[in-house]
């Protein structure tokens, strides 16, 4: 789940389907192309209860400016 409460997998499917040309897509130009690609990641942080965690995960989508990934921990 992302910070706004949405699901990254749903967003990934939507982003792939955005390849079709339609007027609303034309108005929302992106700085770089999004690529659905699993890249191994190591997520570290502190969960909502203040406990440190380390988790192996992977990206869902990448581009030149960042990535979308999921994790099992609830962070604050």
PDB file of N, CA and C in Angstrom:
ATOM      1  N   UNK A   1       0.834  -1.168   0.000  1.00  0.00           N
ATOM      2  CA  UNK A   1       0.000   0.000   0.000  1.00  0.00           C
ATOM      3  C   UNK A   1       0.885   1.239   0.000  1.00  0.00           C
ATOM      4  N   UNK A   2       0.494   2.302  -0.686  1.00  0.00           N
ATOM      5  CA  UNK A   2       1.305   3.505  -0.699  1.00  0.00           C
ATOM      6  C   UNK A   2       0.822   4.495   0.351  1.00  0.00           C
ATOM      7  N   UNK A   3       1.488   5.647   0.461  1.00  0.00           N
ATOM      8  CA  UNK A   3       1.171   6.617   1.503  1.00  0.00           C
ATOM      9  C   UNK A   3      -0.238   7.168   1.383  1.00  0.00           C
ATOM     10  N   UNK A   4      -0.791   7.236   0.183  1.00  0.00           N
ATOM     11  CA  UNK A   4      -2.131   7.774  -0.002  1.00  0.00           C
ATOM     12  C   UNK A   4      -3.209   6.708   0.167  1.00  0.00           C
ATOM     13  N   UNK A   5      -2.826   5.485   0.541  1.00  0.00           N
ATOM     14  CA  UNK A   5      -3.791   4.437   0.781  1.00  0.00           C
ATOM     15  C   UNK A   5      -4.091   3.581  -0.436  1.00  0.00           C
ATOM     16  N   UNK A   6      -3.477   3.885  -1.570  1.00  0.00           N
ATOM     17  CA  UNK A   6      -3.694   3.098  -2.777  1.00  0.00           C
ATOM     18  C   UNK A   6      -2.821   1.863  -2.797  1.00  0.00           C
ATOM     19  N   UNK A   7      -3.017   1.043  -3.783  1.00  0.00           N
ATOM     20  CA  UNK A   7      -2.261  -0.185  -3.908  1.00  0.00           C
ATOM     21  C   UNK A   7      -1.302  -0.047  -5.086  1.00  0.00           C
ATOM     22  N   UNK A   8       0.020  -0.253  -4.851  1.00  0.00           N
ATOM     23  CA  UNK A   8       1.013  -0.097  -5.904  1.00  0.00           C
ATOM     24  C   UNK A   8       0.771  -1.052  -7.062  1.00  0.00           C
ATOM     25  N   UNK A   9       0.301  -2.253  -6.782  1.00  0.00           N
ATOM     26  CA  UNK A   9       0.044  -3.201  -7.866  1.00  0.00           C
ATOM     27  C   UNK A   9      -1.052  -2.664  -8.787  1.00  0.00           C
ATOM     28  N   UNK A  10      -2.095  -2.078  -8.202  1.00  0.00           N
ATOM     29  CA  UNK A  10      -3.159  -1.489  -9.011  1.00  0.00           C
ATOM     30  C   UNK A  10      -2.616  -0.319  -9.825  1.00  0.00           C
ATOM     31  N   UNK A  11      -1.767   0.506  -9.196  1.00  0.00           N
ATOM     32  CA  UNK A  11      -1.176   1.633  -9.902  1.00  0.00           C
ATOM     33  C   UNK A  11      -0.282   1.152 -11.034  1.00  0.00           C
ATOM     34  N   UNK A  12       0.442   0.067 -10.814  1.00  0.00           N
ATOM     35  CA  UNK A  12       1.328  -0.472 -11.848  1.00  0.00           C
ATOM     36  C   UNK A  12       0.505  -0.893 -13.058  1.00  0.00           C
ATOM     37  N   UNK A  13      -0.595  -1.583 -12.831  1.00  0.00           N
ATOM     38  CA  UNK A  13      -1.453  -2.013 -13.932  1.00  0.00           C
ATOM     39  C   UNK A  13      -2.013  -0.800 -14.674  1.00  0.00           C
ATOM     40  N   UNK A  14      -2.389   0.226 -13.917  1.00  0.00           N
ATOM     41  CA  UNK A  14      -2.915   1.442 -14.533  1.00  0.00           C
ATOM     42  C   UNK A  14      -1.837   2.130 -15.369  1.00  0.00           C
ATOM     43  N   UNK A  15      -0.600   2.166 -14.864  1.00  0.00           N
ATOM     44  CA  UNK A  15       0.482   2.831 -15.577  1.00  0.00           C
ATOM     45  C   UNK A  15       0.819   2.116 -16.872  1.00  0.00           C
ATOM     46  N   UNK A  16       0.755   0.790 -16.855  1.00  0.00           N
ATOM     47  CA  UNK A  16       1.018   0.030 -18.078  1.00  0.00           C
ATOM     48  C   UNK A  16      -0.063   0.328 -19.102  1.00  0.00           C
ATOM     49  N   UNK A  17      -1.316   0.420 -18.649  1.00  0.00           N
ATOM     50  CA  UNK A  17      -2.408   0.678 -19.577  1.00  0.00           C
ATOM     51  C   UNK A  17      -2.417   2.125 -20.058  1.00  0.00           C
ATOM     52  N   UNK A  18      -1.685   3.030 -19.385  1.00  0.00           N
ATOM     53  CA  UNK A  18      -1.623   4.420 -19.812  1.00  0.00           C
ATOM     54  C   UNK A  18      -0.904   4.580 -21.141  1.00  0.00           C
ATOM     55  N   UNK A  19      -0.262   3.506 -21.627  1.00  0.00           N
ATOM     56  CA  UNK A  19       0.440   3.574 -22.897  1.00  0.00           C
ATOM     57  C   UNK A  19      -0.494   3.903 -24.052  1.00  0.00           C
ATOM     58  N   UNK A  20      -1.767   3.566 -23.910  1.00  0.00           N
ATOM     59  CA  UNK A  20      -2.733   3.891 -24.947  1.00  0.00           C
ATOM     60  C   UNK A  20      -2.939   5.406 -24.958  1.00  0.00           C
ATOM     61  N   UNK A  21      -3.039   5.983 -26.146  1.00  0.00           N
ATOM     62  CA  UNK A  21      -3.178   7.430 -26.269  1.00  0.00           C
ATOM     63  C   UNK A  21      -4.620   7.816 -26.006  1.00  0.00           C
ATOM     64  N   UNK A  22      -4.813   8.733 -25.058  1.00  0.00           N
ATOM     65  CA  UNK A  22      -6.116   9.328 -24.823  1.00  0.00           C
ATOM     66  C   UNK A  22      -5.888  10.760 -24.349  1.00  0.00           C
ATOM     67  N   UNK A  23      -6.883  11.623 -24.416  1.00  0.00           N
ATOM     68  CA  UNK A  23      -6.686  13.036 -24.079  1.00  0.00           C
ATOM     69  C   UNK A  23      -6.162  13.266 -22.661  1.00  0.00           C
ATOM     70  N   UNK A  24      -6.645  12.524 -21.683  1.00  0.00           N
ATOM     71  CA  UNK A  24      -6.186  12.752 -20.302  1.00  0.00           C
ATOM     72  C   UNK A  24      -4.723  12.358 -20.135  1.00  0.00           C
ATOM     73  N   UNK A  25      -4.260  11.342 -20.867  1.00  0.00           N
ATOM     74  CA  UNK A  25      -2.850  10.950 -20.806  1.00  0.00           C
ATOM     75  C   UNK A  25      -1.978  12.037 -21.424  1.00  0.00           C
ATOM     76  N   UNK A  26      -2.423  12.630 -22.494  1.00  0.00           N
ATOM     77  CA  UNK A  26      -1.655  13.678 -23.155  1.00  0.00           C
ATOM     78  C   UNK A  26      -1.434  14.872 -22.242  1.00  0.00           C
ATOM     79  N   UNK A  27      -2.369  15.170 -21.355  1.00  0.00           N
ATOM     80  CA  UNK A  27      -2.248  16.315 -20.458  1.00  0.00           C
ATOM     81  C   UNK A  27      -1.290  16.047 -19.313  1.00  0.00           C
ATOM     82  N   UNK A  28      -1.018  14.776 -18.990  1.00  0.00           N
ATOM     83  CA  UNK A  28      -0.173  14.431 -17.848  1.00  0.00           C
ATOM     84  C   UNK A  28       1.178  13.903 -18.333  1.00  0.00           C
ATOM     85  N   UNK A  29       2.016  14.758 -18.850  1.00  0.00           N
ATOM     86  CA  UNK A  29       3.344  14.340 -19.312  1.00  0.00           C
ATOM     87  C   UNK A  29       4.215  14.026 -18.106  1.00  0.00           C
ATOM     88  N   UNK A  30       4.963  12.965 -18.179  1.00  0.00           N
ATOM     89  CA  UNK A  30       5.862  12.555 -17.106  1.00  0.00           C
ATOM     90  C   UNK A  30       7.278  12.977 -17.433  1.00  0.00           C
ATOM     91  N   UNK A  31       8.097  13.145 -16.382  1.00  0.00           N
ATOM     92  CA  UNK A  31       9.502  13.500 -16.591  1.00  0.00           C
ATOM     93  C   UNK A  31      10.264  12.362 -17.234  1.00  0.00           C
ATOM     94  N   UNK A  32       9.886  11.124 -16.927  1.00  0.00           N
ATOM     95  CA  UNK A  32      10.540   9.964 -17.534  1.00  0.00           C
ATOM     96  C   UNK A  32       9.548   8.814 -17.599  1.00  0.00           C
ATOM     97  N   UNK A  33       9.854   7.847 -18.439  1.00  0.00           N
ATOM     98  CA  UNK A  33       8.979   6.696 -18.645  1.00  0.00           C
ATOM     99  C   UNK A  33       9.018   5.763 -17.445  1.00  0.00           C
ATOM    100  N   UNK A  34       7.868   5.275 -17.045  1.00  0.00           N
ATOM    101  CA  UNK A  34       7.786   4.285 -15.971  1.00  0.00           C
ATOM    102  C   UNK A  34       7.931   2.898 -16.579  1.00  0.00           C
ATOM    103  N   UNK A  35       8.715   2.064 -15.889  1.00  0.00           N
ATOM    104  CA  UNK A  35       8.973   0.709 -16.367  1.00  0.00           C
ATOM    105  C   UNK A  35       8.572  -0.271 -15.267  1.00  0.00           C
ATOM    106  N   UNK A  36       7.726  -1.229 -15.602  1.00  0.00           N
ATOM    107  CA  UNK A  36       7.359  -2.271 -14.643  1.00  0.00           C
ATOM    108  C   UNK A  36       8.534  -3.239 -14.593  1.00  0.00           C
ATOM    109  N   UNK A  37       9.268  -3.226 -13.471  1.00  0.00           N
ATOM    110  CA  UNK A  37      10.487  -4.025 -13.354  1.00  0.00           C
ATOM    111  C   UNK A  37      10.730  -4.372 -11.895  1.00  0.00           C
ATOM    112  N   UNK A  38      10.950  -5.631 -11.616  1.00  0.00           N
ATOM    113  CA  UNK A  38      11.277  -6.078 -10.257  1.00  0.00           C
ATOM    114  C   UNK A  38      12.785  -5.980 -10.053  1.00  0.00           C
ATOM    115  N   UNK A  39      13.195  -5.096  -9.152  1.00  0.00           N
ATOM    116  CA  UNK A  39      14.605  -4.924  -8.801  1.00  0.00           C
ATOM    117  C   UNK A  39      14.737  -5.278  -7.321  1.00  0.00           C
ATOM    118  N   UNK A  40      15.638  -6.186  -6.952  1.00  0.00           N
ATOM    119  CA  UNK A  40      15.787  -6.548  -5.537  1.00  0.00           C
ATOM    120  C   UNK A  40      16.182  -5.335  -4.694  1.00  0.00           C
ATOM    121  N   UNK A  41      15.539  -5.180  -3.544  1.00  0.00           N
ATOM    122  CA  UNK A  41      15.798  -4.063  -2.630  1.00  0.00           C
ATOM    123  C   UNK A  41      15.923  -4.569  -1.201  1.00  0.00           C
ATOM    124  N   UNK A  42      16.586  -3.793  -0.370  1.00  0.00           N
ATOM    125  CA  UNK A  42      16.651  -4.050   1.068  1.00  0.00           C
ATOM    126  C   UNK A  42      16.045  -2.824   1.741  1.00  0.00           C
ATOM    127  N   UNK A  43      14.912  -3.004   2.398  1.00  0.00           N
ATOM    128  CA  UNK A  43      14.245  -1.911   3.101  1.00  0.00           C
ATOM    129  C   UNK A  43      14.614  -1.982   4.577  1.00  0.00           C
ATOM    130  N   UNK A  44      15.030  -0.853   5.132  1.00  0.00           N
ATOM    131  CA  UNK A  44      15.337  -0.771   6.562  1.00  0.00           C
ATOM    132  C   UNK A  44      14.610   0.431   7.130  1.00  0.00           C
ATOM    133  N   UNK A  45      14.280   0.370   8.393  1.00  0.00           N
ATOM    134  CA  UNK A  45      13.603   1.494   9.023  1.00  0.00           C
ATOM    135  C   UNK A  45      13.111   1.137  10.404  1.00  0.00           C
ATOM    136  N   UNK A  46      12.155   1.928  10.853  1.00  0.00           N
ATOM    137  CA  UNK A  46      11.535   1.738  12.158  1.00  0.00           C
ATOM    138  C   UNK A  46      10.039   1.618  11.926  1.00  0.00           C
ATOM    139  N   UNK A  47       9.407   0.575  12.473  1.00  0.00           N
ATOM    140  CA  UNK A  47       7.974   0.384  12.257  1.00  0.00           C
ATOM    141  C   UNK A  47       7.162   1.329  13.144  1.00  0.00           C
ATOM    142  N   UNK A  48       5.839   1.265  13.036  1.00  0.00           N
ATOM    143  CA  UNK A  48       4.943   2.154  13.760  1.00  0.00           C
ATOM    144  C   UNK A  48       5.051   1.988  15.276  1.00  0.00           C
ATOM    145  N   UNK A  49       5.569   0.843  15.728  1.00  0.00           N
ATOM    146  CA  UNK A  49       5.739   0.607  17.166  1.00  0.00           C
ATOM    147  C   UNK A  49       7.143   0.977  17.653  1.00  0.00           C
ATOM    148  N   UNK A  50       7.959   1.540  16.759  1.00  0.00           N
ATOM    149  CA  UNK A  50       9.296   1.969  17.135  1.00  0.00           C
ATOM    150  C   UNK A  50      10.361   0.898  17.056  1.00  0.00           C
ATOM    151  N   UNK A  51      10.017  -0.260  16.490  1.00  0.00           N
ATOM    152  CA  UNK A  51      10.980  -1.365  16.377  1.00  0.00           C
ATOM    153  C   UNK A  51      11.704  -1.293  15.037  1.00  0.00           C
ATOM    154  N   UNK A  52      13.028  -1.451  15.052  1.00  0.00           N
ATOM    155  CA  UNK A  52      13.759  -1.455  13.774  1.00  0.00           C
ATOM    156  C   UNK A  52      13.446  -2.713  12.969  1.00  0.00           C
ATOM    157  N   UNK A  53      13.479  -2.586  11.640  1.00  0.00           N
ATOM    158  CA  UNK A  53      13.274  -3.754  10.787  1.00  0.00           C
ATOM    159  C   UNK A  53      14.211  -3.705   9.597  1.00  0.00           C
ATOM    160  N   UNK A  54      14.490  -4.880   9.047  1.00  0.00           N
ATOM    161  CA  UNK A  54      15.234  -5.054   7.801  1.00  0.00           C
ATOM    162  C   UNK A  54      14.433  -6.057   6.989  1.00  0.00           C
ATOM    163  N   UNK A  55      14.137  -5.713   5.748  1.00  0.00           N
ATOM    164  CA  UNK A  55      13.281  -6.580   4.926  1.00  0.00           C
ATOM    165  C   UNK A  55      13.771  -6.617   3.483  1.00  0.00           C
ATOM    166  N   UNK A  56      13.829  -7.808   2.923  1.00  0.00           N
ATOM    167  CA  UNK A  56      14.125  -7.952   1.491  1.00  0.00           C
ATOM    168  C   UNK A  56      12.803  -7.794   0.745  1.00  0.00           C
ATOM    169  N   UNK A  57      12.813  -6.986  -0.297  1.00  0.00           N
ATOM    170  CA  UNK A  57      11.620  -6.753  -1.108  1.00  0.00           C
ATOM    171  C   UNK A  57      12.076  -6.482  -2.538  1.00  0.00           C
ATOM    172  N   UNK A  58      11.191  -6.022  -3.378  1.00  0.00           N
ATOM    173  CA  UNK A  58      11.578  -5.658  -4.739  1.00  0.00           C
ATOM    174  C   UNK A  58      10.696  -4.522  -5.227  1.00  0.00           C
ATOM    175  N   UNK A  59      11.200  -3.819  -6.234  1.00  0.00           N
ATOM    176  CA  UNK A  59      10.435  -2.715  -6.809  1.00  0.00           C
ATOM    177  C   UNK A  59       9.293  -3.267  -7.654  1.00  0.00           C
ATOM    178  N   UNK A  60       8.280  -2.428  -7.843  1.00  0.00           N
ATOM    179  CA  UNK A  60       7.186  -2.750  -8.753  1.00  0.00           C
ATOM    180  C   UNK A  60       7.356  -1.969 -10.050  1.00  0.00           C
ATOM    181  N   UNK A  61       7.758  -0.709  -9.902  1.00  0.00           N
ATOM    182  CA  UNK A  61       7.915   0.200 -11.033  1.00  0.00           C
ATOM    183  C   UNK A  61       9.164   1.033 -10.788  1.00  0.00           C
ATOM    184  N   UNK A  62       9.931   1.290 -11.848  1.00  0.00           N
ATOM    185  CA  UNK A  62      11.096   2.155 -11.727  1.00  0.00           C
ATOM    186  C   UNK A  62      11.053   3.208 -12.826  1.00  0.00           C
ATOM    187  N   UNK A  63      11.737   4.339 -12.576  1.00  0.00           N
ATOM    188  CA  UNK A  63      11.990   5.333 -13.612  1.00  0.00           C
ATOM    189  C   UNK A  63      13.263   6.078 -13.239  1.00  0.00           C
ATOM    190  N   UNK A  64      13.612   7.077 -13.992  1.00  0.00           N
ATOM    191  CA  UNK A  64      14.864   7.810 -13.740  1.00  0.00           C
ATOM    192  C   UNK A  64      14.850   8.576 -12.426  1.00  0.00           C
ATOM    193  N   UNK A  65      13.692   8.796 -11.845  1.00  0.00           N
ATOM    194  CA  UNK A  65      13.567   9.645 -10.666  1.00  0.00           C
ATOM    195  C   UNK A  65      13.183   8.904  -9.398  1.00  0.00           C
ATOM    196  N   UNK A  66      12.992   7.587  -9.468  1.00  0.00           N
ATOM    197  CA  UNK A  66      12.617   6.850  -8.284  1.00  0.00           C
ATOM    198  C   UNK A  66      12.019   5.501  -8.605  1.00  0.00           C
ATOM    199  N   UNK A  67      11.304   4.971  -7.617  1.00  0.00           N
ATOM    200  CA  UNK A  67      10.711   3.646  -7.772  1.00  0.00           C
ATOM    201  C   UNK A  67       9.516   3.513  -6.841  1.00  0.00           C
ATOM    202  N   UNK A  68       8.671   2.550  -7.124  1.00  0.00           N
ATOM    203  CA  UNK A  68       7.570   2.173  -6.237  1.00  0.00           C
ATOM    204  C   UNK A  68       7.853   0.761  -5.767  1.00  0.00           C
ATOM    205  N   UNK A  69       7.701   0.549  -4.466  1.00  0.00           N
ATOM    206  CA  UNK A  69       7.950  -0.766  -3.889  1.00  0.00           C
ATOM    207  C   UNK A  69       6.966  -1.006  -2.755  1.00  0.00           C
ATOM    208  N   UNK A  70       6.826  -2.246  -2.354  1.00  0.00           N
ATOM    209  CA  UNK A  70       5.970  -2.571  -1.228  1.00  0.00           C
ATOM    210  C   UNK A  70       6.826  -3.137  -0.097  1.00  0.00           C
ATOM    211  N   UNK A  71       6.278  -3.075   1.103  1.00  0.00           N
ATOM    212  CA  UNK A  71       6.903  -3.760   2.226  1.00  0.00           C
ATOM    213  C   UNK A  71       5.820  -4.233   3.179  1.00  0.00           C
ATOM    214  N   UNK A  72       6.169  -5.153   4.045  1.00  0.00           N
ATOM    215  CA  UNK A  72       5.200  -5.736   4.978  1.00  0.00           C
ATOM    216  C   UNK A  72       5.047  -4.927   6.245  1.00  0.00           C
ATOM    217  N   UNK A  73       5.973  -4.022   6.529  1.00  0.00           N
ATOM    218  CA  UNK A  73       5.962  -3.273   7.768  1.00  0.00           C
ATOM    219  C   UNK A  73       5.152  -1.988   7.647  1.00  0.00           C
ATOM    220  N   UNK A  74       4.457  -1.641   8.727  1.00  0.00           N
ATOM    221  CA  UNK A  74       3.749  -0.379   8.803  1.00  0.00           C
ATOM    222  C   UNK A  74       4.695   0.634   9.413  1.00  0.00           C
ATOM    223  N   UNK A  75       5.018   1.654   8.642  1.00  0.00           N
ATOM    224  CA  UNK A  75       5.940   2.680   9.128  1.00  0.00           C
ATOM    225  C   UNK A  75       5.158   3.906   9.580  1.00  0.00           C
ATOM    226  N   UNK A  76       5.807   4.707  10.375  1.00  0.00           N
ATOM    227  CA  UNK A  76       5.140   5.925  10.849  1.00  0.00           C
ATOM    228  C   UNK A  76       5.435   7.088   9.957  1.00  0.00           C
TER     229      UNK A  76
END
